[in-house]
Amino acid sequence: MLCSSKQSGFSAIKPKLKIRLTVGIVTTKEGMEITNNQMD
């Protein structure tokens, strides 16, 4: 019982983590592009 409830809780958190990671990657890419543009 405990294991199954832990898994369902984890699967509920997973999408939020994916969104956070995606947003983080996009923000980092944009930041690097801005830095590159400023250096030119």
Protein backbone atom coordinates (compact mmCIF):
# COMPACT_ATOMS: atom_id res chain seq x y z
CA MET A 1 0.00 0.00 0.00
CA LEU A 2 2.71 2.46 0.98
CA CYS A 3 4.75 1.87 -2.19
CA SER A 4 1.76 2.36 -4.52
CA SER A 5 0.73 5.60 -2.81
CA LYS A 6 4.31 6.87 -3.04
CA GLN A 7 4.38 6.10 -6.78
CA SER A 8 1.11 7.92 -7.45
CA GLY A 9 2.40 10.93 -5.51
CA PHE A 10 5.62 10.90 -7.52
CA SER A 11 3.77 10.65 -10.85
CA ALA A 12 1.67 13.64 -9.79
CA ILE A 13 4.81 15.68 -9.06
CA LYS A 14 6.63 14.58 -12.23
CA PRO A 15 4.76 16.82 -14.74
CA LYS A 16 5.46 19.89 -12.61
CA LEU A 17 9.15 18.98 -12.49
CA LYS A 18 9.18 18.52 -16.28
CA ILE A 19 7.61 21.95 -16.78
CA ARG A 20 10.13 23.52 -14.38
CA LEU A 21 13.03 21.87 -16.18
CA THR A 22 11.73 22.96 -19.60
CA VAL A 23 11.22 26.54 -18.42
CA GLY A 24 14.69 26.52 -16.86
CA ILE A 25 16.31 25.29 -20.08
CA VAL A 26 14.43 27.86 -22.22
CA THR A 27 15.34 30.68 -19.82
CA THR A 28 19.00 29.61 -19.87
CA LYS A 29 19.04 29.50 -23.69
CA GLU A 30 17.46 32.96 -23.92
CA GLY A 31 19.94 34.31 -21.39
CA MET A 32 22.88 32.91 -23.36
CA GLU A 33 21.51 34.35 -26.62
CA ILE A 34 21.17 37.80 -25.02
CA THR A 35 24.74 37.55 -23.69
CA ASN A 36 26.04 36.54 -27.13
CA ASN A 37 24.21 39.46 -28.78
CA GLN A 38 25.65 41.93 -26.28
CA MET A 39 29.19 40.64 -26.91
CA ASP A 40 28.86 41.25 -30.69
